[in-house]
Amino acid sequence: MSEGLAIEGLSAGYRHRTVLHALTISPISSGSVVAIVGPNGAGKSTLLRAIAGLVPASGRIALDDVDLLALSPSSRANYLGFMPQSMPAGIGLTVIESVIGALKVSNIAIPTREVREQAATVIRRLGIGPLAMEPLDRLSGGQRQMASLAQAIAIGPRVLLLDEPTSALDLRHQFHVLHTIRGLADEKRAVIIVMHDLGLAAQWADRIIVMQAGRVHTDGTAAEAITPRMLSTVYGISARVERCSLGRLQILSDGLAEPGHPIFPSGDRH
């Protein structure tokens, strides 16, 4: 019996384009925060969407030997909480209504009288209680991200899939969200988080998976994954990796490794 979330031979994409190519990732255990990093177009978001069942996929995705690919979207929602990069506009719901909706999507039976109370508890935990009755369309980008995170964690899923949850947040709210995510992992959840900030990934993640062109380039601790060689090969930059006085990794960029290399390679953008 495998422990945690296992991904084996996963291929996924959009229409006639394959973005992930027979991807295999060693099991992701409960209680861990795993950062998915890599350049634009590496397949980071597609990986999360494939796990969540939002794009066609083949291979094996299992949680403690439960075949997630065989489950319906509503059944899969009992195990997984997904936060997309951005929330669609024009939803027409308040923050608390959107969280209540997330609770009702799952097959978990929650008495009607308790649904609103549970939604309010989640909202307060994220520090957005004052926004509970605000329409989503009136919120700032950062506030919408917080509301989206509330939807993702509402049912207390065993696995959280978070696509750039701090991208629209200021420094204070970045820290608050990442601290909350760390707390959720400490409650025996597996958290998979797409990040662009390698410094934050090194600080908060137990494990970092570096993706390149739909495949895993590196998988390990921050010290193992974030190296000058990886930065040159994957990101095309010349950089040094040093530790500050607190022992945290710092990336000091010296410029492009190949100045004439195109910034956005041809191909997929997912």
C-alpha atoms as a PDB file:
ATOM      1  CA  MET A   1       0.000   0.000   0.000  1.00  0.00           C
ATOM      2  CA  SER A   2       1.425   3.377  -0.993  1.00  0.00           C
ATOM      3  CA  GLU A   3       1.394   6.217   1.515  1.00  0.00           C
ATOM      4  CA  GLY A   4       0.385   9.741   0.532  1.00  0.00           C
ATOM      5  CA  LEU A   5      -0.294  11.104  -2.934  1.00  0.00           C
ATOM      6  CA  ALA A   6       1.359   9.033  -5.655  1.00  0.00           C
ATOM      7  CA  ILE A   7       1.751  10.224  -9.254  1.00  0.00           C
ATOM      8  CA  GLU A   8       3.024   7.781 -11.852  1.00  0.00           C
ATOM      9  CA  GLY A   9       3.312   8.114 -15.628  1.00  0.00           C
ATOM     10  CA  LEU A  10       1.037  11.170 -15.664  1.00  0.00           C
ATOM     11  CA  SER A  11       0.411  12.720 -19.056  1.00  0.00           C
ATOM     12  CA  ALA A  12      -2.004  15.622 -19.475  1.00  0.00           C
ATOM     13  CA  GLY A  13      -2.739  18.537 -21.740  1.00  0.00           C
ATOM     14  CA  TYR A  14      -5.254  20.579 -23.666  1.00  0.00           C
ATOM     15  CA  ARG A  15      -6.913  19.412 -26.908  1.00  0.00           C
ATOM     16  CA  HIS A  16      -4.092  18.166 -29.104  1.00  0.00           C
ATOM     17  CA  ARG A  17      -1.262  19.538 -26.960  1.00  0.00           C
ATOM     18  CA  THR A  18       0.455  17.376 -24.389  1.00  0.00           C
ATOM     19  CA  VAL A  19       1.898  19.472 -21.563  1.00  0.00           C
ATOM     20  CA  LEU A  20       2.922  16.795 -19.048  1.00  0.00           C
ATOM     21  CA  HIS A  21       4.959  13.906 -20.395  1.00  0.00           C
ATOM     22  CA  ALA A  22       4.720  10.633 -18.400  1.00  0.00           C
ATOM     23  CA  LEU A  23       5.434  12.489 -15.168  1.00  0.00           C
ATOM     24  CA  THR A  24       6.325  10.459 -12.084  1.00  0.00           C
ATOM     25  CA  ILE A  25       6.717  12.039  -8.650  1.00  0.00           C
ATOM     26  CA  SER A  26       7.659  10.112  -5.520  1.00  0.00           C
ATOM     27  CA  PRO A  27       4.810   9.998  -2.957  1.00  0.00           C
ATOM     28  CA  ILE A  28       3.880  13.269  -1.280  1.00  0.00           C
ATOM     29  CA  SER A  29       3.208  12.547   2.372  1.00  0.00           C
ATOM     30  CA  SER A  30       0.670  14.082   4.712  1.00  0.00           C
ATOM     31  CA  GLY A  31       2.061  16.931   6.761  1.00  0.00           C
ATOM     32  CA  SER A  32       4.386  18.175   4.037  1.00  0.00           C
ATOM     33  CA  VAL A  33       4.473  21.355   1.966  1.00  0.00           C
ATOM     34  CA  VAL A  34       5.741  20.732  -1.556  1.00  0.00           C
ATOM     35  CA  ALA A  35       6.540  23.704  -3.790  1.00  0.00           C
ATOM     36  CA  ILE A  36       6.269  23.302  -7.557  1.00  0.00           C
ATOM     37  CA  VAL A  37       8.566  25.780  -9.298  1.00  0.00           C
ATOM     38  CA  GLY A  38       9.873  26.336 -12.793  1.00  0.00           C
ATOM     39  CA  PRO A  39       9.762  28.838 -15.645  1.00  0.00           C
ATOM     40  CA  ASN A  40       6.623  29.920 -17.484  1.00  0.00           C
ATOM     41  CA  GLY A  41       5.312  27.083 -19.619  1.00  0.00           C
ATOM     42  CA  ALA A  42       6.897  24.325 -17.537  1.00  0.00           C
ATOM     43  CA  GLY A  43       3.554  22.654 -16.745  1.00  0.00           C
ATOM     44  CA  LYS A  44       3.151  23.662 -13.101  1.00  0.00           C
ATOM     45  CA  SER A  45      -0.492  24.749 -13.296  1.00  0.00           C
ATOM     46  CA  THR A  46      -1.360  21.856 -15.589  1.00  0.00           C
ATOM     47  CA  LEU A  47       0.001  19.442 -12.976  1.00  0.00           C
ATOM     48  CA  LEU A  48      -2.342  20.829 -10.317  1.00  0.00           C
ATOM     49  CA  ARG A  49      -5.290  20.867 -12.721  1.00  0.00           C
ATOM     50  CA  ALA A  50      -4.600  17.264 -13.721  1.00  0.00           C
ATOM     51  CA  ILE A  51      -4.559  16.145 -10.083  1.00  0.00           C
ATOM     52  CA  ALA A  52      -7.811  18.053  -9.501  1.00  0.00           C
ATOM     53  CA  GLY A  53      -9.454  16.412 -12.525  1.00  0.00           C
ATOM     54  CA  LEU A  54      -9.852  19.621 -14.511  1.00  0.00           C
ATOM     55  CA  VAL A  55      -7.914  18.546 -17.612  1.00  0.00           C
ATOM     56  CA  PRO A  56      -7.805  15.193 -19.438  1.00  0.00           C
ATOM     57  CA  ALA A  57      -5.094  12.990 -17.950  1.00  0.00           C
ATOM     58  CA  SER A  58      -3.767   9.455 -18.140  1.00  0.00           C
ATOM     59  CA  GLY A  59      -1.476   7.515 -15.856  1.00  0.00           C
ATOM     60  CA  ARG A  60      -1.957   7.005 -12.141  1.00  0.00           C
ATOM     61  CA  ILE A  61      -2.912   9.453  -9.401  1.00  0.00           C
ATOM     62  CA  ALA A  62      -3.649   7.724  -6.110  1.00  0.00           C
ATOM     63  CA  LEU A  63      -4.123   8.836  -2.530  1.00  0.00           C
ATOM     64  CA  ASP A  64      -3.344   5.960  -0.169  1.00  0.00           C
ATOM     65  CA  ASP A  65      -4.306   3.586  -3.014  1.00  0.00           C
ATOM     66  CA  VAL A  66      -7.587   5.388  -3.780  1.00  0.00           C
ATOM     67  CA  ASP A  67      -7.559   5.833  -7.573  1.00  0.00           C
ATOM     68  CA  LEU A  68      -8.410   9.517  -7.950  1.00  0.00           C
ATOM     69  CA  LEU A  69      -8.598   9.326 -11.744  1.00  0.00           C
ATOM     70  CA  ALA A  70     -11.517   6.901 -11.401  1.00  0.00           C
ATOM     71  CA  LEU A  71     -13.560   9.261  -9.214  1.00  0.00           C
ATOM     72  CA  SER A  72     -16.182  11.770 -10.308  1.00  0.00           C
ATOM     73  CA  PRO A  73     -15.350  15.466  -9.751  1.00  0.00           C
ATOM     74  CA  SER A  74     -17.658  15.660  -6.720  1.00  0.00           C
ATOM     75  CA  SER A  75     -16.141  12.518  -5.189  1.00  0.00           C
ATOM     76  CA  ARG A  76     -12.622  13.774  -5.856  1.00  0.00           C
ATOM     77  CA  ALA A  77     -13.543  17.030  -4.084  1.00  0.00           C
ATOM     78  CA  ASN A  78     -13.877  15.027  -0.860  1.00  0.00           C
ATOM     79  CA  TYR A  79     -10.114  14.488  -0.922  1.00  0.00           C
ATOM     80  CA  LEU A  80      -8.764  17.562  -2.718  1.00  0.00           C
ATOM     81  CA  GLY A  81      -9.051  21.311  -2.327  1.00  0.00           C
ATOM     82  CA  PHE A  82      -8.055  23.314  -5.414  1.00  0.00           C
ATOM     83  CA  MET A  83      -7.247  27.026  -5.611  1.00  0.00           C
ATOM     84  CA  PRO A  84      -6.780  28.334  -9.179  1.00  0.00           C
ATOM     85  CA  GLN A  85      -4.490  31.181 -10.177  1.00  0.00           C
ATOM     86  CA  SER A  86      -7.445  33.534 -10.469  1.00  0.00           C
ATOM     87  CA  MET A  87     -11.134  33.465  -9.676  1.00  0.00           C
ATOM     88  CA  PRO A  88     -13.545  33.956 -12.606  1.00  0.00           C
ATOM     89  CA  ALA A  89     -15.253  37.347 -12.786  1.00  0.00           C
ATOM     90  CA  GLY A  90     -19.009  37.822 -12.631  1.00  0.00           C
ATOM     91  CA  ILE A  91     -19.713  35.099 -10.072  1.00  0.00           C
ATOM     92  CA  GLY A  92     -22.347  37.188  -8.289  1.00  0.00           C
ATOM     93  CA  LEU A  93     -21.809  35.680  -4.832  1.00  0.00           C
ATOM     94  CA  THR A  94     -20.623  37.047  -1.527  1.00  0.00           C
ATOM     95  CA  VAL A  95     -17.518  35.605   0.096  1.00  0.00           C
ATOM     96  CA  ILE A  96     -19.458  33.449   2.528  1.00  0.00           C
ATOM     97  CA  GLU A  97     -21.850  32.258  -0.192  1.00  0.00           C
ATOM     98  CA  SER A  98     -18.889  31.105  -2.282  1.00  0.00           C
ATOM     99  CA  VAL A  99     -17.476  29.117   0.639  1.00  0.00           C
ATOM    100  CA  ILE A 100     -20.886  27.590   1.341  1.00  0.00           C
ATOM    101  CA  GLY A 101     -21.013  26.593  -2.329  1.00  0.00           C
ATOM    102  CA  ALA A 102     -17.633  24.880  -2.014  1.00  0.00           C
ATOM    103  CA  LEU A 103     -18.914  22.903   0.963  1.00  0.00           C
ATOM    104  CA  LYS A 104     -21.991  21.763  -0.960  1.00  0.00           C
ATOM    105  CA  VAL A 105     -19.981  20.569  -3.981  1.00  0.00           C
ATOM    106  CA  SER A 106     -18.500  17.682  -2.012  1.00  0.00           C
ATOM    107  CA  ASN A 107     -20.361  14.516  -1.112  1.00  0.00           C
ATOM    108  CA  ILE A 108     -19.661  15.029   2.581  1.00  0.00           C
ATOM    109  CA  ALA A 109     -22.954  15.237   4.451  1.00  0.00           C
ATOM    110  CA  ILE A 110     -23.086  18.420   6.504  1.00  0.00           C
ATOM    111  CA  PRO A 111     -26.354  19.433   8.196  1.00  0.00           C
ATOM    112  CA  THR A 112     -27.708  22.597   6.590  1.00  0.00           C
ATOM    113  CA  ARG A 113     -27.647  24.497   9.868  1.00  0.00           C
ATOM    114  CA  GLU A 114     -23.923  23.788  10.240  1.00  0.00           C
ATOM    115  CA  VAL A 115     -22.824  24.717   6.722  1.00  0.00           C
ATOM    116  CA  ARG A 116     -22.939  28.465   7.269  1.00  0.00           C
ATOM    117  CA  GLU A 117     -21.212  28.150  10.649  1.00  0.00           C
ATOM    118  CA  GLN A 118     -18.420  26.063   9.122  1.00  0.00           C
ATOM    119  CA  ALA A 119     -18.006  28.563   6.272  1.00  0.00           C
ATOM    120  CA  ALA A 120     -17.783  31.434   8.752  1.00  0.00           C
ATOM    121  CA  THR A 121     -15.141  29.568  10.770  1.00  0.00           C
ATOM    122  CA  VAL A 122     -12.961  29.092   7.679  1.00  0.00           C
ATOM    123  CA  ILE A 123     -13.297  32.760   6.737  1.00  0.00           C
ATOM    124  CA  ARG A 124     -12.325  33.897  10.230  1.00  0.00           C
ATOM    125  CA  ARG A 125      -9.314  31.583  10.238  1.00  0.00           C
ATOM    126  CA  LEU A 126      -7.961  33.372   7.172  1.00  0.00           C
ATOM    127  CA  GLY A 127      -8.531  36.775   8.751  1.00  0.00           C
ATOM    128  CA  ILE A 128     -11.158  37.903   6.247  1.00  0.00           C
ATOM    129  CA  GLY A 129     -14.185  37.832   8.541  1.00  0.00           C
ATOM    130  CA  PRO A 130     -15.053  41.491   7.767  1.00  0.00           C
ATOM    131  CA  LEU A 131     -15.346  40.559   4.077  1.00  0.00           C
ATOM    132  CA  ALA A 132     -17.844  37.723   4.601  1.00  0.00           C
ATOM    133  CA  MET A 133     -20.825  39.620   3.178  1.00  0.00           C
ATOM    134  CA  GLU A 134     -18.889  41.441   0.451  1.00  0.00           C
ATOM    135  CA  PRO A 135     -19.581  40.495  -3.188  1.00  0.00           C
ATOM    136  CA  LEU A 136     -16.584  38.770  -4.752  1.00  0.00           C
ATOM    137  CA  ASP A 137     -16.630  41.141  -7.718  1.00  0.00           C
ATOM    138  CA  ARG A 138     -16.000  44.123  -5.426  1.00  0.00           C
ATOM    139  CA  LEU A 139     -12.872  42.685  -3.832  1.00  0.00           C
ATOM    140  CA  SER A 140      -9.281  43.546  -4.667  1.00  0.00           C
ATOM    141  CA  GLY A 141      -7.089  40.929  -6.327  1.00  0.00           C
ATOM    142  CA  GLY A 142      -5.503  39.986  -3.017  1.00  0.00           C
ATOM    143  CA  GLN A 143      -8.853  39.747  -1.244  1.00  0.00           C
ATOM    144  CA  ARG A 144     -10.191  37.508  -4.013  1.00  0.00           C
ATOM    145  CA  GLN A 145      -7.186  35.227  -3.546  1.00  0.00           C
ATOM    146  CA  MET A 146      -7.973  34.932   0.152  1.00  0.00           C
ATOM    147  CA  ALA A 147     -11.612  34.121  -0.654  1.00  0.00           C
ATOM    148  CA  SER A 148     -10.462  31.490  -3.153  1.00  0.00           C
ATOM    149  CA  LEU A 149      -8.192  29.940  -0.520  1.00  0.00           C
ATOM    150  CA  ALA A 150     -11.157  29.802   1.868  1.00  0.00           C
ATOM    151  CA  GLN A 151     -13.105  27.816  -0.727  1.00  0.00           C
ATOM    152  CA  ALA A 152     -10.187  25.403  -1.178  1.00  0.00           C
ATOM    153  CA  ILE A 153      -9.812  24.583   2.516  1.00  0.00           C
ATOM    154  CA  ALA A 154     -13.528  24.641   3.391  1.00  0.00           C
ATOM    155  CA  ILE A 155     -14.136  20.880   3.590  1.00  0.00           C
ATOM    156  CA  GLY A 156     -10.810  20.169   5.282  1.00  0.00           C
ATOM    157  CA  PRO A 157      -9.373  18.213   2.330  1.00  0.00           C
ATOM    158  CA  ARG A 158      -6.486  15.806   2.783  1.00  0.00           C
ATOM    159  CA  VAL A 159      -4.617  17.384  -0.129  1.00  0.00           C
ATOM    160  CA  LEU A 160      -4.481  21.093  -0.950  1.00  0.00           C
ATOM    161  CA  LEU A 161      -3.579  22.206  -4.479  1.00  0.00           C
ATOM    162  CA  LEU A 162      -2.717  25.906  -4.471  1.00  0.00           C
ATOM    163  CA  ASP A 163      -1.781  27.716  -7.686  1.00  0.00           C
ATOM    164  CA  GLU A 164       0.239  30.826  -6.827  1.00  0.00           C
ATOM    165  CA  PRO A 165      -1.789  31.716  -3.702  1.00  0.00           C
ATOM    166  CA  THR A 166       0.419  34.694  -2.792  1.00  0.00           C
ATOM    167  CA  SER A 167       0.926  36.299  -6.212  1.00  0.00           C
ATOM    168  CA  ALA A 168      -1.407  39.265  -5.573  1.00  0.00           C
ATOM    169  CA  LEU A 169      -0.587  39.769  -1.894  1.00  0.00           C
ATOM    170  CA  ASP A 170       1.618  42.293  -0.136  1.00  0.00           C
ATOM    171  CA  LEU A 171       4.442  41.090   2.112  1.00  0.00           C
ATOM    172  CA  ARG A 172       2.373  40.992   5.295  1.00  0.00           C
ATOM    173  CA  HIS A 173      -0.432  38.986   3.723  1.00  0.00           C
ATOM    174  CA  GLN A 174       2.046  36.674   1.980  1.00  0.00           C
ATOM    175  CA  PHE A 175       3.465  35.784   5.385  1.00  0.00           C
ATOM    176  CA  HIS A 176      -0.036  35.338   6.837  1.00  0.00           C
ATOM    177  CA  VAL A 177      -1.125  32.991   4.036  1.00  0.00           C
ATOM    178  CA  LEU A 178       2.079  30.938   4.089  1.00  0.00           C
ATOM    179  CA  HIS A 179       1.917  30.674   7.888  1.00  0.00           C
ATOM    180  CA  THR A 180      -1.688  29.464   7.547  1.00  0.00           C
ATOM    181  CA  ILE A 181      -0.661  26.955   4.874  1.00  0.00           C
ATOM    182  CA  ARG A 182       2.086  25.659   7.154  1.00  0.00           C
ATOM    183  CA  GLY A 183      -0.514  25.219   9.891  1.00  0.00           C
ATOM    184  CA  LEU A 184      -2.809  23.305   7.533  1.00  0.00           C
ATOM    185  CA  ALA A 185       0.044  20.950   6.655  1.00  0.00           C
ATOM    186  CA  ASP A 186       0.769  20.436  10.343  1.00  0.00           C
ATOM    187  CA  GLU A 187      -2.808  19.118  10.616  1.00  0.00           C
ATOM    188  CA  LYS A 188      -1.716  16.114   8.516  1.00  0.00           C
ATOM    189  CA  ARG A 189      -2.601  17.517   5.115  1.00  0.00           C
ATOM    190  CA  ALA A 190      -0.391  17.406   2.060  1.00  0.00           C
ATOM    191  CA  VAL A 191      -0.003  20.841   0.478  1.00  0.00           C
ATOM    192  CA  ILE A 192       1.176  21.262  -3.107  1.00  0.00           C
ATOM    193  CA  ILE A 193       1.790  24.879  -3.972  1.00  0.00           C
ATOM    194  CA  VAL A 194       2.879  26.455  -7.251  1.00  0.00           C
ATOM    195  CA  MET A 195       5.292  29.319  -6.590  1.00  0.00           C
ATOM    196  CA  HIS A 196       7.458  31.660  -8.636  1.00  0.00           C
ATOM    197  CA  ASP A 197       9.394  33.146  -5.721  1.00  0.00           C
ATOM    198  CA  LEU A 198      12.224  30.677  -5.109  1.00  0.00           C
ATOM    199  CA  GLY A 199      13.187  32.457  -1.899  1.00  0.00           C
ATOM    200  CA  LEU A 200       9.726  31.903  -0.415  1.00  0.00           C
ATOM    201  CA  ALA A 201       9.736  28.316  -1.664  1.00  0.00           C
ATOM    202  CA  ALA A 202      13.069  27.686   0.054  1.00  0.00           C
ATOM    203  CA  GLN A 203      11.807  29.245   3.285  1.00  0.00           C
ATOM    204  CA  TRP A 204       8.422  27.529   3.559  1.00  0.00           C
ATOM    205  CA  ALA A 205       8.510  24.248   1.624  1.00  0.00           C
ATOM    206  CA  ASP A 206       9.777  20.914   2.916  1.00  0.00           C
ATOM    207  CA  ARG A 207      10.423  19.780  -0.622  1.00  0.00           C
ATOM    208  CA  ILE A 208      10.847  21.545  -3.950  1.00  0.00           C
ATOM    209  CA  ILE A 209      10.022  20.052  -7.337  1.00  0.00           C
ATOM    210  CA  VAL A 210      11.554  21.922 -10.265  1.00  0.00           C
ATOM    211  CA  MET A 211       9.712  21.441 -13.550  1.00  0.00           C
ATOM    212  CA  GLN A 212      10.975  22.050 -17.057  1.00  0.00           C
ATOM    213  CA  ALA A 213       9.077  21.418 -20.307  1.00  0.00           C
ATOM    214  CA  GLY A 214       6.470  19.172 -18.689  1.00  0.00           C
ATOM    215  CA  ARG A 215       8.956  16.987 -16.838  1.00  0.00           C
ATOM    216  CA  VAL A 216      10.598  16.893 -13.417  1.00  0.00           C
ATOM    217  CA  HIS A 217      14.071  18.389 -13.566  1.00  0.00           C
ATOM    218  CA  THR A 218      14.924  18.271  -9.845  1.00  0.00           C
ATOM    219  CA  ASP A 219      13.152  16.987  -6.738  1.00  0.00           C
ATOM    220  CA  GLY A 220      14.582  17.487  -3.265  1.00  0.00           C
ATOM    221  CA  THR A 221      15.143  19.844  -0.374  1.00  0.00           C
ATOM    222  CA  ALA A 222      15.757  23.533  -1.012  1.00  0.00           C
ATOM    223  CA  ALA A 223      19.515  23.012  -0.813  1.00  0.00           C
ATOM    224  CA  GLU A 224      19.323  20.110  -3.259  1.00  0.00           C
ATOM    225  CA  ALA A 225      16.955  21.775  -5.723  1.00  0.00           C
ATOM    226  CA  ILE A 226      18.077  25.400  -5.810  1.00  0.00           C
ATOM    227  CA  THR A 227      21.613  25.414  -7.150  1.00  0.00           C
ATOM    228  CA  PRO A 228      23.549  27.619  -9.586  1.00  0.00           C
ATOM    229  CA  ARG A 229      23.517  24.765 -12.088  1.00  0.00           C
ATOM    230  CA  MET A 230      19.720  24.402 -11.925  1.00  0.00           C
ATOM    231  CA  LEU A 231      19.216  28.164 -12.229  1.00  0.00           C
ATOM    232  CA  SER A 232      21.400  28.229 -15.324  1.00  0.00           C
ATOM    233  CA  THR A 233      19.866  25.151 -16.947  1.00  0.00           C
ATOM    234  CA  VAL A 234      16.192  25.737 -16.125  1.00  0.00           C
ATOM    235  CA  TYR A 235      15.881  29.517 -15.786  1.00  0.00           C
ATOM    236  CA  GLY A 236      18.743  30.623 -18.012  1.00  0.00           C
ATOM    237  CA  ILE A 237      20.281  32.915 -15.398  1.00  0.00           C
ATOM    238  CA  SER A 238      23.728  33.136 -13.893  1.00  0.00           C
ATOM    239  CA  ALA A 239      23.346  33.243 -10.126  1.00  0.00           C
ATOM    240  CA  ARG A 240      24.943  32.417  -6.815  1.00  0.00           C
ATOM    241  CA  VAL A 241      23.115  30.662  -3.989  1.00  0.00           C
ATOM    242  CA  GLU A 242      24.201  31.702  -0.505  1.00  0.00           C
ATOM    243  CA  ARG A 243      22.864  31.516   3.023  1.00  0.00           C
ATOM    244  CA  CYS A 244      21.999  34.572   5.069  1.00  0.00           C
ATOM    245  CA  SER A 245      22.741  34.924   8.787  1.00  0.00           C
ATOM    246  CA  LEU A 246      19.513  33.026   9.560  1.00  0.00           C
ATOM    247  CA  GLY A 247      20.596  30.109   7.401  1.00  0.00           C
ATOM    248  CA  ARG A 248      18.053  30.782   4.648  1.00  0.00           C
ATOM    249  CA  LEU A 249      18.964  30.400   1.005  1.00  0.00           C
ATOM    250  CA  GLN A 250      19.435  33.620  -0.932  1.00  0.00           C
ATOM    251  CA  ILE A 251      19.644  33.809  -4.729  1.00  0.00           C
ATOM    252  CA  LEU A 252      21.982  36.492  -6.032  1.00  0.00           C
ATOM    253  CA  SER A 253      21.469  36.897  -9.766  1.00  0.00           C
ATOM    254  CA  ASP A 254      24.354  38.071 -11.940  1.00  0.00           C
ATOM    255  CA  GLY A 255      22.336  38.245 -15.172  1.00  0.00           C
ATOM    256  CA  LEU A 256      21.256  36.019 -18.036  1.00  0.00           C
ATOM    257  CA  ALA A 257      23.331  32.910 -18.593  1.00  0.00           C
ATOM    258  CA  GLU A 258      22.805  33.299 -22.345  1.00  0.00           C
ATOM    259  CA  PRO A 259      21.919  36.935 -23.169  1.00  0.00           C
ATOM    260  CA  GLY A 260      20.724  36.047 -26.665  1.00  0.00           C
ATOM    261  CA  HIS A 261      18.443  33.223 -25.502  1.00  0.00           C
ATOM    262  CA  PRO A 262      14.670  33.932 -26.015  1.00  0.00           C
ATOM    263  CA  ILE A 263      12.855  34.817 -22.790  1.00  0.00           C
ATOM    264  CA  PHE A 264       9.741  32.861 -23.737  1.00  0.00           C
ATOM    265  CA  PRO A 265      10.553  29.626 -25.582  1.00  0.00           C
ATOM    266  CA  SER A 266       8.057  28.380 -28.134  1.00  0.00           C
ATOM    267  CA  GLY A 267       5.488  25.843 -26.968  1.00  0.00           C
ATOM    268  CA  ASP A 268       2.969  25.600 -24.171  1.00  0.00           C
ATOM    269  CA  ARG A 269       2.271  28.269 -21.579  1.00  0.00           C
ATOM    270  CA  HIS A 270       0.917  26.193 -18.715  1.00  0.00           C
END
